[in-house]
N, C-alpha and C. Protein backbone atom coordinates (compact mmCIF):
# COMPACT_ATOMS: atom_id res chain seq x y z
N MET A 1 -14.67 7.80 -16.49
CA MET A 1 -13.53 7.06 -15.96
C MET A 1 -12.34 7.88 -16.24
N ALA A 2 -11.39 7.69 -15.31
CA ALA A 2 -10.15 8.46 -15.28
C ALA A 2 -9.36 8.25 -16.61
N THR A 3 -8.81 9.28 -17.23
CA THR A 3 -7.98 9.21 -18.51
C THR A 3 -6.67 8.60 -18.19
N MET A 4 -6.15 7.80 -19.17
CA MET A 4 -4.77 7.22 -19.12
C MET A 4 -3.59 8.19 -18.97
N ALA A 5 -3.96 9.55 -19.32
CA ALA A 5 -2.89 10.53 -19.40
C ALA A 5 -2.82 11.01 -17.97
N ASP A 6 -3.67 10.88 -16.89
CA ASP A 6 -3.69 11.38 -15.71
C ASP A 6 -3.10 10.41 -14.86
N THR A 7 -1.71 10.43 -14.66
CA THR A 7 -1.01 9.45 -14.00
C THR A 7 -0.19 10.06 -12.82
N THR A 8 0.29 9.11 -11.97
CA THR A 8 1.16 9.44 -10.95
C THR A 8 2.29 8.44 -10.92
N GLY A 9 3.55 8.85 -11.09
CA GLY A 9 4.53 7.88 -11.14
C GLY A 9 4.74 7.27 -12.67
N LYS A 10 5.69 6.37 -12.81
CA LYS A 10 5.89 5.83 -14.17
C LYS A 10 5.81 4.34 -14.13
N ALA A 11 4.99 3.73 -14.83
CA ALA A 11 4.89 2.26 -14.89
C ALA A 11 5.82 1.66 -16.03
N LYS A 12 6.35 0.45 -15.66
CA LYS A 12 7.27 -0.15 -16.73
C LYS A 12 6.43 -0.42 -17.88
N ASP A 13 5.34 -0.93 -17.83
CA ASP A 13 4.44 -1.19 -19.03
C ASP A 13 3.62 0.04 -19.39
N ALA A 14 3.75 0.52 -20.44
CA ALA A 14 3.01 1.74 -20.92
C ALA A 14 1.46 1.61 -20.83
N SER A 15 1.00 0.46 -20.90
CA SER A 15 -0.38 0.27 -20.65
C SER A 15 -0.96 0.27 -19.33
N ILE A 16 -0.09 0.50 -18.35
CA ILE A 16 -0.45 0.61 -16.90
C ILE A 16 -0.50 2.12 -16.59
N SER A 17 -1.41 2.55 -15.97
CA SER A 17 -1.37 4.00 -15.38
C SER A 17 -1.88 3.87 -13.90
N VAL A 18 -1.43 4.87 -13.19
CA VAL A 18 -1.81 4.74 -11.73
C VAL A 18 -2.29 6.20 -11.23
N LEU A 19 -3.61 6.18 -10.59
CA LEU A 19 -4.04 7.38 -10.20
C LEU A 19 -4.24 7.39 -8.60
N PRO A 20 -4.20 8.75 -8.05
CA PRO A 20 -4.72 8.73 -6.62
C PRO A 20 -6.11 8.30 -6.59
N ALA A 21 -6.53 7.64 -5.56
CA ALA A 21 -7.83 7.01 -5.48
C ALA A 21 -8.91 8.05 -5.57
N ASN A 22 -8.65 9.29 -5.17
CA ASN A 22 -9.79 10.26 -5.25
C ASN A 22 -9.97 10.66 -6.77
N LYS A 23 -9.11 10.42 -7.58
CA LYS A 23 -9.38 10.62 -8.94
C LYS A 23 -9.88 9.44 -9.80
N ALA A 24 -10.04 8.33 -9.13
CA ALA A 24 -10.74 7.13 -9.63
C ALA A 24 -12.19 7.14 -9.21
N SER A 25 -13.00 6.31 -9.75
CA SER A 25 -14.32 6.29 -9.35
C SER A 25 -14.49 5.20 -8.20
N TRP A 26 -15.42 5.31 -7.38
CA TRP A 26 -15.73 4.11 -6.40
C TRP A 26 -16.12 2.88 -7.10
N GLU A 27 -16.78 2.93 -8.18
CA GLU A 27 -17.21 1.66 -8.96
C GLU A 27 -15.81 1.07 -9.48
N ASP A 28 -14.78 1.70 -9.83
CA ASP A 28 -13.58 1.14 -10.34
C ASP A 28 -12.78 0.50 -9.19
N LEU A 29 -12.76 1.16 -8.05
CA LEU A 29 -11.99 0.60 -6.86
C LEU A 29 -12.79 -0.64 -6.44
N GLN A 30 -14.01 -0.69 -6.45
CA GLN A 30 -14.74 -1.93 -5.96
C GLN A 30 -14.76 -2.98 -6.90
N ALA A 31 -14.50 -2.62 -8.17
CA ALA A 31 -14.11 -3.70 -9.24
C ALA A 31 -12.83 -4.36 -8.82
N VAL A 32 -11.94 -3.68 -8.52
CA VAL A 32 -10.57 -4.25 -8.03
C VAL A 32 -10.75 -5.17 -6.83
N PHE A 33 -11.64 -4.75 -5.87
CA PHE A 33 -11.70 -5.48 -4.64
C PHE A 33 -12.60 -6.85 -4.81
N GLY A 34 -13.56 -6.66 -5.84
CA GLY A 34 -14.42 -7.71 -6.02
C GLY A 34 -15.49 -7.90 -5.00
N THR A 35 -16.33 -9.02 -5.21
CA THR A 35 -17.42 -9.23 -4.25
C THR A 35 -17.24 -10.47 -3.19
N ARG A 36 -16.12 -11.16 -3.58
CA ARG A 36 -15.83 -12.31 -2.57
C ARG A 36 -14.41 -12.17 -2.35
N GLY A 37 -13.99 -13.06 -1.23
CA GLY A 37 -12.65 -13.08 -0.94
C GLY A 37 -12.10 -12.11 0.21
N ASN A 38 -10.79 -12.22 0.36
CA ASN A 38 -10.11 -11.31 1.49
C ASN A 38 -10.23 -9.85 1.25
N ALA A 39 -10.12 -9.43 0.00
CA ALA A 39 -10.04 -8.04 -0.31
C ALA A 39 -11.47 -7.35 -0.11
N ALA A 40 -12.45 -8.15 -0.57
CA ALA A 40 -13.94 -7.61 -0.33
C ALA A 40 -14.33 -7.64 1.08
N GLU A 41 -13.84 -8.52 1.84
CA GLU A 41 -14.12 -8.62 3.31
C GLU A 41 -13.42 -7.56 4.06
N CYS A 42 -12.12 -7.34 3.82
CA CYS A 42 -11.45 -6.50 4.55
C CYS A 42 -11.65 -5.04 4.18
N GLN A 43 -11.79 -4.69 2.86
CA GLN A 43 -11.86 -3.17 2.51
C GLN A 43 -10.61 -2.43 2.89
N CYS A 44 -9.57 -2.97 3.16
CA CYS A 44 -8.41 -2.44 3.40
C CYS A 44 -8.47 -1.55 4.74
N GLN A 45 -9.03 -2.34 5.63
CA GLN A 45 -9.28 -1.76 7.11
C GLN A 45 -8.50 -2.46 8.15
N TRP A 46 -7.82 -3.53 7.90
CA TRP A 46 -7.08 -4.26 8.84
C TRP A 46 -6.04 -3.44 9.67
N PHE A 47 -5.20 -2.71 8.85
CA PHE A 47 -4.05 -2.01 9.53
C PHE A 47 -4.65 -0.69 10.11
N GLN A 48 -5.80 -0.39 9.72
CA GLN A 48 -6.34 0.93 10.41
C GLN A 48 -7.28 0.73 11.65
N SER A 49 -7.32 -0.46 12.03
CA SER A 49 -8.23 -0.96 13.13
C SER A 49 -7.53 -1.52 14.23
N THR A 50 -7.93 -1.33 15.53
CA THR A 50 -7.35 -2.05 16.57
C THR A 50 -8.04 -3.38 16.49
N PRO A 51 -7.46 -4.46 17.15
CA PRO A 51 -8.07 -5.74 17.18
C PRO A 51 -9.61 -5.78 17.62
N ALA A 52 -9.92 -5.00 18.54
CA ALA A 52 -11.37 -4.85 19.11
C ALA A 52 -12.07 -4.25 18.06
N GLU A 53 -11.79 -3.27 17.45
CA GLU A 53 -12.48 -2.57 16.25
C GLU A 53 -12.61 -3.69 15.03
N TRP A 54 -11.67 -4.30 14.78
CA TRP A 54 -11.77 -5.30 13.57
C TRP A 54 -12.86 -6.31 14.02
N ARG A 55 -12.74 -6.90 15.23
CA ARG A 55 -13.83 -7.92 15.46
C ARG A 55 -15.19 -7.34 15.39
N SER A 56 -15.43 -6.07 15.68
CA SER A 56 -16.87 -5.61 15.73
C SER A 56 -17.32 -4.97 14.60
N GLN A 57 -16.52 -4.74 13.50
CA GLN A 57 -16.87 -4.16 12.36
C GLN A 57 -17.62 -5.15 11.36
N SER A 58 -18.67 -4.60 10.72
CA SER A 58 -19.17 -5.42 9.52
C SER A 58 -18.56 -5.08 8.29
N VAL A 59 -18.67 -5.66 7.41
CA VAL A 59 -18.13 -5.49 6.01
C VAL A 59 -18.82 -4.15 5.54
N GLU A 60 -19.99 -3.85 5.91
CA GLU A 60 -20.61 -2.67 5.42
C GLU A 60 -19.95 -1.43 6.06
N GLU A 61 -19.55 -1.47 7.28
CA GLU A 61 -18.95 -0.32 8.18
C GLU A 61 -17.54 -0.34 7.51
N ARG A 62 -16.88 -1.39 7.22
CA ARG A 62 -15.42 -1.21 6.51
C ARG A 62 -15.51 -0.58 5.16
N THR A 63 -16.48 -0.78 4.42
CA THR A 63 -16.72 -0.26 3.14
C THR A 63 -16.97 1.20 3.18
N ARG A 64 -17.90 1.55 4.07
CA ARG A 64 -18.17 2.97 4.40
C ARG A 64 -16.82 3.71 4.78
N ARG A 65 -16.02 3.05 5.70
CA ARG A 65 -14.73 3.76 6.08
C ARG A 65 -13.87 3.91 4.87
N LEU A 66 -13.66 2.87 4.01
CA LEU A 66 -12.75 3.03 2.91
C LEU A 66 -13.27 4.21 1.82
N ARG A 67 -14.50 4.18 1.76
CA ARG A 67 -15.02 5.20 0.77
C ARG A 67 -14.84 6.64 1.19
N GLU A 68 -14.94 6.76 2.51
CA GLU A 68 -14.68 7.93 3.26
C GLU A 68 -13.11 8.50 3.21
N GLU A 69 -12.34 7.38 3.36
CA GLU A 69 -10.91 7.62 3.29
C GLU A 69 -10.32 7.95 1.82
N THR A 70 -10.82 7.22 0.96
CA THR A 70 -10.29 7.44 -0.31
C THR A 70 -10.79 8.58 -1.19
N ARG A 71 -12.10 8.96 -0.76
CA ARG A 71 -12.74 10.07 -1.44
C ARG A 71 -12.83 9.85 -2.85
N CYS A 72 -13.12 8.72 -3.26
CA CYS A 72 -13.18 8.41 -4.70
C CYS A 72 -14.23 9.36 -5.44
N GLY A 73 -13.81 9.70 -6.65
CA GLY A 73 -14.62 10.55 -7.36
C GLY A 73 -14.67 11.94 -6.89
N GLN A 74 -13.69 12.39 -6.15
CA GLN A 74 -13.56 13.71 -5.67
C GLN A 74 -12.20 14.18 -6.04
N PRO A 75 -12.00 14.50 -7.18
CA PRO A 75 -10.47 14.90 -7.78
C PRO A 75 -9.98 16.08 -7.01
N ARG A 76 -10.69 17.13 -6.48
CA ARG A 76 -10.16 18.23 -5.73
C ARG A 76 -9.95 17.86 -4.33
N ALA A 77 -10.26 16.63 -3.89
CA ALA A 77 -9.95 16.40 -2.39
C ALA A 77 -8.68 16.49 -2.08
N ARG A 78 -8.23 16.92 -0.85
CA ARG A 78 -6.84 17.34 -0.53
C ARG A 78 -6.12 16.04 -0.02
N THR A 79 -6.99 15.09 0.36
CA THR A 79 -6.27 13.90 1.00
C THR A 79 -6.99 12.69 0.34
N THR A 80 -6.27 11.49 0.26
CA THR A 80 -6.75 10.22 -0.17
C THR A 80 -6.06 9.12 0.52
N SER A 81 -6.31 7.87 0.47
CA SER A 81 -5.65 6.93 1.10
C SER A 81 -4.91 5.82 0.31
N GLY A 82 -4.86 6.12 -1.03
CA GLY A 82 -4.05 5.15 -1.85
C GLY A 82 -4.21 5.40 -3.30
N LEU A 83 -3.76 4.29 -4.02
CA LEU A 83 -3.72 4.60 -5.50
C LEU A 83 -4.48 3.50 -6.29
N VAL A 84 -4.84 3.68 -7.38
CA VAL A 84 -5.68 2.88 -8.26
C VAL A 84 -5.01 2.50 -9.58
N ALA A 85 -4.63 1.43 -9.92
CA ALA A 85 -4.04 1.21 -11.20
C ALA A 85 -4.98 0.60 -12.27
N TYR A 86 -4.66 1.07 -13.45
CA TYR A 86 -5.52 0.64 -14.66
C TYR A 86 -4.47 0.04 -15.64
N LEU A 87 -5.08 -1.12 -16.27
CA LEU A 87 -4.32 -1.84 -17.24
C LEU A 87 -5.16 -1.87 -18.57
N ASP A 88 -4.57 -1.30 -19.55
CA ASP A 88 -5.37 -1.21 -20.73
C ASP A 88 -6.69 -0.52 -20.54
N GLY A 89 -6.80 0.44 -19.68
CA GLY A 89 -7.98 1.29 -19.29
C GLY A 89 -9.00 0.64 -18.40
N GLU A 90 -8.64 -0.62 -17.88
CA GLU A 90 -9.53 -1.32 -17.06
C GLU A 90 -8.93 -1.22 -15.55
N PRO A 91 -9.93 -0.97 -14.55
CA PRO A 91 -9.29 -1.02 -13.10
C PRO A 91 -8.66 -2.30 -12.78
N ALA A 92 -7.56 -2.43 -12.36
CA ALA A 92 -6.68 -3.59 -12.16
C ALA A 92 -5.99 -3.74 -10.89
N GLY A 93 -5.81 -2.64 -10.04
CA GLY A 93 -5.11 -2.85 -8.71
C GLY A 93 -5.32 -1.67 -7.88
N TRP A 94 -4.91 -1.96 -6.65
CA TRP A 94 -5.14 -1.08 -5.54
C TRP A 94 -3.81 -1.02 -4.52
N CYS A 95 -3.36 0.06 -4.19
CA CYS A 95 -2.32 0.03 -3.16
C CYS A 95 -2.63 1.14 -2.12
N ALA A 96 -2.59 0.70 -0.78
CA ALA A 96 -2.69 1.69 0.38
C ALA A 96 -1.44 2.29 0.67
N VAL A 97 -1.45 3.62 0.74
CA VAL A 97 -0.18 4.44 1.23
C VAL A 97 -0.69 5.69 1.80
N GLN A 98 -0.39 5.71 3.05
CA GLN A 98 -0.64 6.93 3.84
C GLN A 98 0.55 7.15 4.89
N PRO A 99 0.36 8.34 5.77
CA PRO A 99 1.33 8.50 6.84
C PRO A 99 1.28 7.29 7.76
N ARG A 100 2.49 6.79 8.24
CA ARG A 100 2.57 5.53 8.91
C ARG A 100 1.67 5.54 10.21
N ALA A 101 1.40 6.80 10.78
CA ALA A 101 0.82 6.88 12.07
C ALA A 101 -0.73 6.65 11.99
N VAL A 102 -1.22 6.63 10.72
CA VAL A 102 -2.66 6.27 10.53
C VAL A 102 -2.92 4.78 10.86
N TYR A 103 -2.03 3.85 10.66
CA TYR A 103 -2.14 2.48 10.78
C TYR A 103 -1.94 1.94 12.30
N VAL A 104 -3.04 2.02 13.02
CA VAL A 104 -2.84 1.81 14.45
C VAL A 104 -2.59 0.24 14.75
N HIS A 105 -3.01 -0.65 13.87
CA HIS A 105 -2.53 -1.94 13.98
C HIS A 105 -1.08 -2.23 13.73
N LEU A 106 -0.61 -1.48 12.73
CA LEU A 106 0.88 -1.52 12.47
C LEU A 106 1.65 -1.05 13.55
N LEU A 107 1.33 -0.02 14.17
CA LEU A 107 2.06 0.65 15.37
C LEU A 107 2.20 -0.26 16.44
N GLY A 108 1.32 -1.25 16.66
CA GLY A 108 1.53 -2.00 17.75
C GLY A 108 2.10 -3.49 17.34
N SER A 109 2.72 -3.63 16.22
CA SER A 109 3.20 -4.70 15.75
C SER A 109 4.69 -4.99 16.26
N ARG A 110 4.82 -6.12 16.90
CA ARG A 110 6.07 -6.40 17.53
C ARG A 110 7.12 -6.77 16.33
N VAL A 111 6.63 -7.53 15.22
CA VAL A 111 7.34 -7.94 14.22
C VAL A 111 7.90 -6.60 13.44
N VAL A 112 7.07 -5.63 13.27
CA VAL A 112 7.61 -4.51 12.37
C VAL A 112 8.74 -3.66 13.14
N TRP A 113 8.55 -3.51 14.46
CA TRP A 113 9.37 -2.84 15.34
C TRP A 113 10.57 -3.48 15.84
N SER A 114 10.71 -4.89 15.64
CA SER A 114 11.85 -5.62 16.17
C SER A 114 13.15 -4.95 15.62
N GLY A 115 13.89 -4.70 16.55
CA GLY A 115 15.31 -4.24 16.35
C GLY A 115 15.35 -2.75 15.88
N ARG A 116 14.28 -2.05 16.01
CA ARG A 116 14.32 -0.60 15.58
C ARG A 116 14.13 0.34 16.78
N GLY A 117 14.84 1.48 16.72
CA GLY A 117 14.70 2.45 17.66
C GLY A 117 14.22 3.80 17.42
N GLU A 118 13.10 3.81 16.64
CA GLU A 118 12.54 5.13 16.10
C GLU A 118 11.09 5.13 16.64
N ASP A 119 10.39 6.36 16.56
CA ASP A 119 9.17 6.60 16.94
C ASP A 119 8.24 6.00 15.94
N PRO A 120 7.49 5.05 16.20
CA PRO A 120 6.49 4.52 15.29
C PRO A 120 5.45 5.46 14.84
N ALA A 121 5.12 6.44 15.66
CA ALA A 121 4.15 7.37 15.18
C ALA A 121 4.74 8.78 14.50
N ASP A 122 5.95 8.70 14.09
CA ASP A 122 6.51 9.75 13.35
C ASP A 122 5.76 10.07 12.08
N ALA A 123 5.08 11.24 12.19
CA ALA A 123 4.16 11.69 11.04
C ALA A 123 4.86 11.82 9.75
N GLY A 124 6.29 12.07 9.77
CA GLY A 124 6.99 12.15 8.58
C GLY A 124 7.18 11.06 7.67
N VAL A 125 6.96 9.88 8.27
CA VAL A 125 7.10 8.47 7.56
C VAL A 125 5.85 8.00 7.06
N TRP A 126 5.75 7.67 5.89
CA TRP A 126 4.58 7.08 5.18
C TRP A 126 4.81 5.53 5.04
N ALA A 127 3.68 4.80 4.81
CA ALA A 127 3.79 3.28 4.77
C ALA A 127 2.91 2.78 3.58
N VAL A 128 3.39 1.86 2.93
CA VAL A 128 2.72 1.16 1.90
C VAL A 128 2.35 -0.20 2.53
N THR A 129 1.06 -0.37 2.86
CA THR A 129 0.65 -1.59 3.71
C THR A 129 -0.10 -2.68 2.92
N CYS A 130 -0.66 -2.35 1.77
CA CYS A 130 -1.49 -3.39 1.21
C CYS A 130 -1.59 -3.19 -0.37
N PHE A 131 -1.55 -4.32 -1.12
CA PHE A 131 -1.75 -4.32 -2.52
C PHE A 131 -2.98 -5.39 -2.86
N VAL A 132 -3.70 -4.98 -3.80
CA VAL A 132 -4.80 -5.82 -4.22
C VAL A 132 -4.68 -5.67 -5.78
N THR A 133 -4.51 -6.92 -6.35
CA THR A 133 -4.63 -7.06 -7.90
C THR A 133 -5.82 -7.79 -8.31
N ARG A 134 -6.65 -7.21 -9.24
CA ARG A 134 -7.97 -7.80 -9.62
C ARG A 134 -7.63 -9.09 -10.31
N VAL A 135 -8.53 -9.99 -10.05
CA VAL A 135 -8.55 -11.35 -10.71
C VAL A 135 -8.55 -11.18 -12.23
N GLY A 136 -7.71 -11.79 -12.90
CA GLY A 136 -7.50 -11.69 -14.33
C GLY A 136 -6.49 -10.73 -14.76
N PHE A 137 -5.91 -9.90 -13.80
CA PHE A 137 -4.87 -8.89 -14.15
C PHE A 137 -3.49 -9.32 -13.37
N ARG A 138 -3.45 -10.39 -12.76
CA ARG A 138 -2.22 -10.79 -12.00
C ARG A 138 -1.02 -11.16 -12.91
N ARG A 139 0.22 -10.96 -12.24
CA ARG A 139 1.49 -11.33 -12.99
C ARG A 139 1.64 -10.41 -14.28
N ARG A 140 1.21 -9.20 -14.28
CA ARG A 140 1.32 -8.45 -15.42
C ARG A 140 1.95 -7.02 -15.04
N GLY A 141 2.57 -6.96 -13.92
CA GLY A 141 3.28 -5.69 -13.53
C GLY A 141 2.43 -4.68 -12.75
N VAL A 142 1.26 -5.00 -12.37
CA VAL A 142 0.30 -4.02 -11.64
C VAL A 142 0.93 -3.73 -10.43
N SER A 143 1.38 -4.70 -9.43
CA SER A 143 1.94 -4.33 -8.12
C SER A 143 3.17 -3.43 -8.25
N GLY A 144 3.99 -3.85 -9.16
CA GLY A 144 5.39 -3.18 -9.46
C GLY A 144 5.03 -1.72 -9.73
N ALA A 145 4.03 -1.47 -10.53
CA ALA A 145 3.63 -0.05 -10.95
C ALA A 145 3.14 0.75 -9.74
N LEU A 146 2.34 -0.10 -9.09
CA LEU A 146 1.82 0.71 -7.85
C LEU A 146 2.77 1.14 -6.84
N ALA A 147 3.76 0.24 -6.61
CA ALA A 147 4.87 0.43 -5.70
C ALA A 147 5.69 1.53 -6.15
N ALA A 148 5.98 1.54 -7.32
CA ALA A 148 6.85 2.87 -7.79
C ALA A 148 6.06 4.02 -7.73
N ALA A 149 4.80 4.10 -7.98
CA ALA A 149 3.91 5.28 -7.87
C ALA A 149 3.73 5.65 -6.42
N ALA A 150 3.65 4.70 -5.58
CA ALA A 150 3.57 5.14 -4.14
C ALA A 150 4.69 5.98 -3.75
N VAL A 151 5.96 5.73 -4.19
CA VAL A 151 7.07 6.45 -3.64
C VAL A 151 6.84 7.95 -4.12
N ASP A 152 6.48 8.16 -5.37
CA ASP A 152 6.29 9.53 -5.83
C ASP A 152 5.18 10.20 -5.14
N PHE A 153 3.99 9.43 -4.82
CA PHE A 153 2.86 10.00 -4.14
C PHE A 153 3.20 10.35 -2.67
N ALA A 154 4.06 9.60 -1.96
CA ALA A 154 4.41 10.00 -0.69
C ALA A 154 5.38 11.24 -0.70
N ARG A 155 6.32 11.17 -1.55
CA ARG A 155 7.24 12.24 -1.63
C ARG A 155 6.65 13.61 -1.89
N GLU A 156 5.71 13.62 -2.92
CA GLU A 156 5.08 14.80 -3.47
C GLU A 156 4.17 15.39 -2.26
N ARG A 157 3.77 14.60 -1.31
CA ARG A 157 3.00 15.10 -0.28
C ARG A 157 3.78 15.32 1.12
N GLY A 158 4.98 15.38 0.93
CA GLY A 158 5.87 15.76 2.06
C GLY A 158 6.38 14.84 2.87
N ALA A 159 6.39 13.58 2.67
CA ALA A 159 6.92 12.54 3.40
C ALA A 159 8.47 12.54 3.39
N ARG A 160 9.10 12.25 4.56
CA ARG A 160 10.53 12.20 4.64
C ARG A 160 11.00 10.96 4.26
N ALA A 161 10.11 10.00 4.42
CA ALA A 161 10.54 8.56 4.11
C ALA A 161 9.17 7.75 3.89
N VAL A 162 9.42 6.71 3.26
CA VAL A 162 8.38 5.69 2.89
C VAL A 162 8.89 4.31 3.20
N GLU A 163 8.04 3.49 3.60
CA GLU A 163 8.38 1.94 3.90
C GLU A 163 7.28 1.08 3.78
N GLY A 164 7.69 -0.11 3.51
CA GLY A 164 6.88 -1.23 3.33
C GLY A 164 7.33 -2.54 4.20
N TYR A 165 6.44 -3.60 4.15
CA TYR A 165 6.72 -4.69 5.00
C TYR A 165 6.36 -6.02 4.23
N PRO A 166 7.10 -6.16 3.20
CA PRO A 166 6.72 -7.28 2.27
C PRO A 166 7.15 -8.61 2.69
N MET A 167 6.67 -9.56 1.95
CA MET A 167 6.99 -11.02 2.23
C MET A 167 8.16 -11.40 1.39
N ILE A 168 9.04 -12.29 1.86
CA ILE A 168 10.32 -12.79 1.10
C ILE A 168 9.79 -14.09 0.40
N MET A 169 9.85 -14.04 -0.87
CA MET A 169 9.50 -15.28 -1.75
C MET A 169 10.65 -16.23 -1.69
N GLN A 170 10.39 -17.40 -1.24
CA GLN A 170 11.45 -18.44 -1.15
C GLN A 170 11.21 -19.37 -2.33
N PRO A 171 12.43 -19.77 -3.05
CA PRO A 171 12.22 -20.70 -4.10
C PRO A 171 11.73 -21.99 -3.73
N GLY A 172 10.75 -22.47 -4.41
CA GLY A 172 10.21 -23.79 -4.19
C GLY A 172 9.08 -23.83 -3.27
N LYS A 173 8.84 -22.67 -2.52
CA LYS A 173 7.57 -22.41 -1.50
C LYS A 173 6.61 -21.62 -2.19
N VAL A 174 5.35 -22.18 -1.95
CA VAL A 174 4.12 -21.40 -2.53
C VAL A 174 3.64 -20.44 -1.54
N VAL A 175 3.35 -19.23 -2.05
CA VAL A 175 2.80 -18.10 -1.18
C VAL A 175 1.47 -17.82 -1.88
N THR A 176 0.43 -17.92 -0.97
CA THR A 176 -0.88 -17.67 -1.57
C THR A 176 -1.08 -16.07 -1.80
N TRP A 177 -2.01 -15.63 -2.57
CA TRP A 177 -2.36 -14.26 -2.88
C TRP A 177 -2.82 -13.65 -1.64
N GLY A 178 -3.44 -14.30 -0.78
CA GLY A 178 -3.85 -13.90 0.62
C GLY A 178 -2.82 -13.33 1.45
N GLU A 179 -1.59 -14.10 1.34
CA GLU A 179 -0.52 -13.71 2.07
C GLU A 179 0.37 -12.47 1.54
N LEU A 180 0.25 -12.40 0.13
CA LEU A 180 0.92 -11.38 -0.40
C LEU A 180 0.41 -9.97 -0.53
N TYR A 181 -0.62 -9.86 0.19
CA TYR A 181 -1.36 -8.53 0.12
C TYR A 181 -0.39 -7.40 0.65
N VAL A 182 0.69 -7.71 1.31
CA VAL A 182 1.73 -6.69 1.76
C VAL A 182 2.83 -6.45 0.65
N GLY A 183 2.67 -7.41 -0.41
CA GLY A 183 3.72 -7.18 -1.41
C GLY A 183 4.81 -8.04 -1.30
N SER A 184 5.69 -8.32 -2.33
CA SER A 184 6.84 -9.06 -2.27
C SER A 184 8.08 -8.29 -2.12
N ARG A 185 9.17 -8.83 -1.58
CA ARG A 185 10.40 -7.99 -1.54
C ARG A 185 10.92 -7.57 -2.72
N ASN A 186 10.78 -8.37 -3.95
CA ASN A 186 11.29 -7.89 -5.13
C ASN A 186 10.55 -6.66 -5.65
N ILE A 187 9.22 -6.62 -5.46
CA ILE A 187 8.46 -5.48 -5.96
C ILE A 187 9.01 -4.20 -5.30
N PHE A 188 9.30 -4.21 -4.01
CA PHE A 188 9.82 -3.01 -3.29
C PHE A 188 11.24 -2.79 -3.69
N ALA A 189 12.09 -3.89 -3.95
CA ALA A 189 13.42 -3.48 -4.28
C ALA A 189 13.43 -2.96 -5.68
N ASP A 190 12.52 -3.32 -6.63
CA ASP A 190 12.57 -2.77 -7.90
C ASP A 190 12.11 -1.33 -7.86
N ALA A 191 11.42 -1.04 -6.91
CA ALA A 191 10.89 0.50 -6.82
C ALA A 191 11.92 1.35 -5.99
N GLY A 192 13.06 0.88 -5.57
CA GLY A 192 14.07 1.54 -4.96
C GLY A 192 14.13 1.46 -3.53
N PHE A 193 13.29 0.70 -2.86
CA PHE A 193 13.32 0.49 -1.43
C PHE A 193 14.65 -0.38 -1.10
N THR A 194 15.14 -0.08 0.09
CA THR A 194 16.28 -1.08 0.54
C THR A 194 15.87 -1.63 1.91
N GLU A 195 16.50 -2.70 2.24
CA GLU A 195 16.30 -3.39 3.47
C GLU A 195 16.78 -2.75 4.64
N VAL A 196 15.74 -2.67 5.76
CA VAL A 196 16.02 -1.95 7.03
C VAL A 196 16.26 -3.10 8.06
N THR A 197 15.39 -3.98 8.18
CA THR A 197 15.48 -5.14 9.05
C THR A 197 14.82 -6.39 8.46
N ARG A 198 15.21 -7.56 8.99
CA ARG A 198 14.51 -8.66 8.60
C ARG A 198 14.02 -9.67 9.82
N PRO A 199 12.93 -9.02 10.47
CA PRO A 199 12.45 -9.50 11.76
C PRO A 199 12.19 -10.95 11.83
N THR A 200 11.76 -11.57 10.58
CA THR A 200 11.47 -12.95 10.73
C THR A 200 11.98 -13.51 9.44
N PRO A 201 12.04 -14.91 9.20
CA PRO A 201 12.57 -15.52 7.98
C PRO A 201 11.63 -15.11 6.73
N ARG A 202 10.52 -14.73 7.01
CA ARG A 202 9.50 -14.43 5.75
C ARG A 202 9.29 -13.09 5.71
N ARG A 203 9.71 -12.09 6.67
CA ARG A 203 9.22 -10.74 6.61
C ARG A 203 10.52 -9.96 6.55
N VAL A 204 10.27 -8.71 5.76
CA VAL A 204 11.40 -7.80 5.68
C VAL A 204 10.81 -6.41 5.81
N VAL A 205 11.43 -5.55 6.32
CA VAL A 205 11.16 -4.08 6.45
C VAL A 205 11.93 -3.31 5.41
N MET A 206 11.31 -2.51 4.44
CA MET A 206 12.07 -1.95 3.46
C MET A 206 11.68 -0.42 3.36
N ARG A 207 12.60 0.43 3.04
CA ARG A 207 12.34 1.76 3.14
C ARG A 207 13.12 2.63 2.12
N ILE A 208 12.63 3.81 1.82
CA ILE A 208 13.33 4.85 1.05
C ILE A 208 13.35 6.13 1.94
N ASN A 209 14.46 6.72 2.19
CA ASN A 209 14.56 7.93 2.70
C ASN A 209 14.78 9.05 1.64
N PHE A 210 14.06 9.96 1.64
CA PHE A 210 14.16 10.95 0.49
C PHE A 210 15.29 11.91 0.69
N GLN A 211 15.86 12.38 -0.33
CA GLN A 211 16.98 13.12 -0.22
C GLN A 211 16.90 14.38 0.58
N GLY A 212 17.73 14.70 1.45
CA GLY A 212 17.77 15.79 2.40
C GLY A 212 16.97 15.44 3.69
N ALA A 213 16.31 14.33 3.76
CA ALA A 213 15.67 13.89 5.04
C ALA A 213 16.71 13.14 6.14
N ARG A 214 16.47 13.29 7.38
CA ARG A 214 17.37 12.70 8.31
C ARG A 214 16.95 11.32 8.35
N ASP A 215 17.95 10.50 8.55
CA ASP A 215 17.64 9.01 8.60
C ASP A 215 17.37 8.63 10.09
N THR A 216 16.26 8.07 10.20
CA THR A 216 15.87 7.80 11.63
C THR A 216 15.75 6.17 11.80
N THR A 217 16.28 5.50 10.91
CA THR A 217 15.99 4.01 10.98
C THR A 217 17.16 3.46 11.75
N LYS A 218 17.85 3.98 12.75
CA LYS A 218 18.86 3.44 13.59
C LYS A 218 18.30 2.24 14.30
N LEU A 219 19.19 1.26 14.59
CA LEU A 219 18.86 0.00 15.24
C LEU A 219 18.58 0.41 16.64
N ALA A 220 17.81 -0.32 17.39
CA ALA A 220 17.72 -0.24 18.84
C ALA A 220 19.06 -0.66 19.53
N GLU A 221 19.44 0.06 20.48
CA GLU A 221 20.71 -0.38 21.24
C GLU A 221 20.32 -1.44 22.28
């Protein structure tokens, strides 16, 4: 199992560490996803699939694709598709973060691109698309640690910017864990992201442009 000293980014809670997925084991990642529910069924393939591909995929195929993308257990791999968080040494969470152009479902989203005048396939922009927190580890800062680590992860790999598409938590309204797979606005704000657009009452696009990078987030005319 990965050591707690091998971290990327800084977690608020010293008991939380975050690793690139290729430095975590496949068994640890699957422990986070579990064997039932949305995460186990999706295997983080929704944003990487066209609607037709999604309908035709079996869970086994999605699992195979995730394992190939993450390269879990291959610490020398040059690429991976996300981060794995550990809490007190136990696998506790997952965050998907890759170049935005990888997410073909995202590129076709009218909501995400509402009011924006940039190239969706810009390879220099990365995206944080999904969080999974393991049952029994929720509300303990895991998602926040992952969001913060995702910023460093993208920047260190040459991203000009990184963005996310979280939900807005409204007082008195219940949001299920299934809806929060994209993260909450507060988690991104705490990690240093700022609002770009608010395309719906419940959805916000948030972003960090790294120092020295040209800002391409202009609104469409």
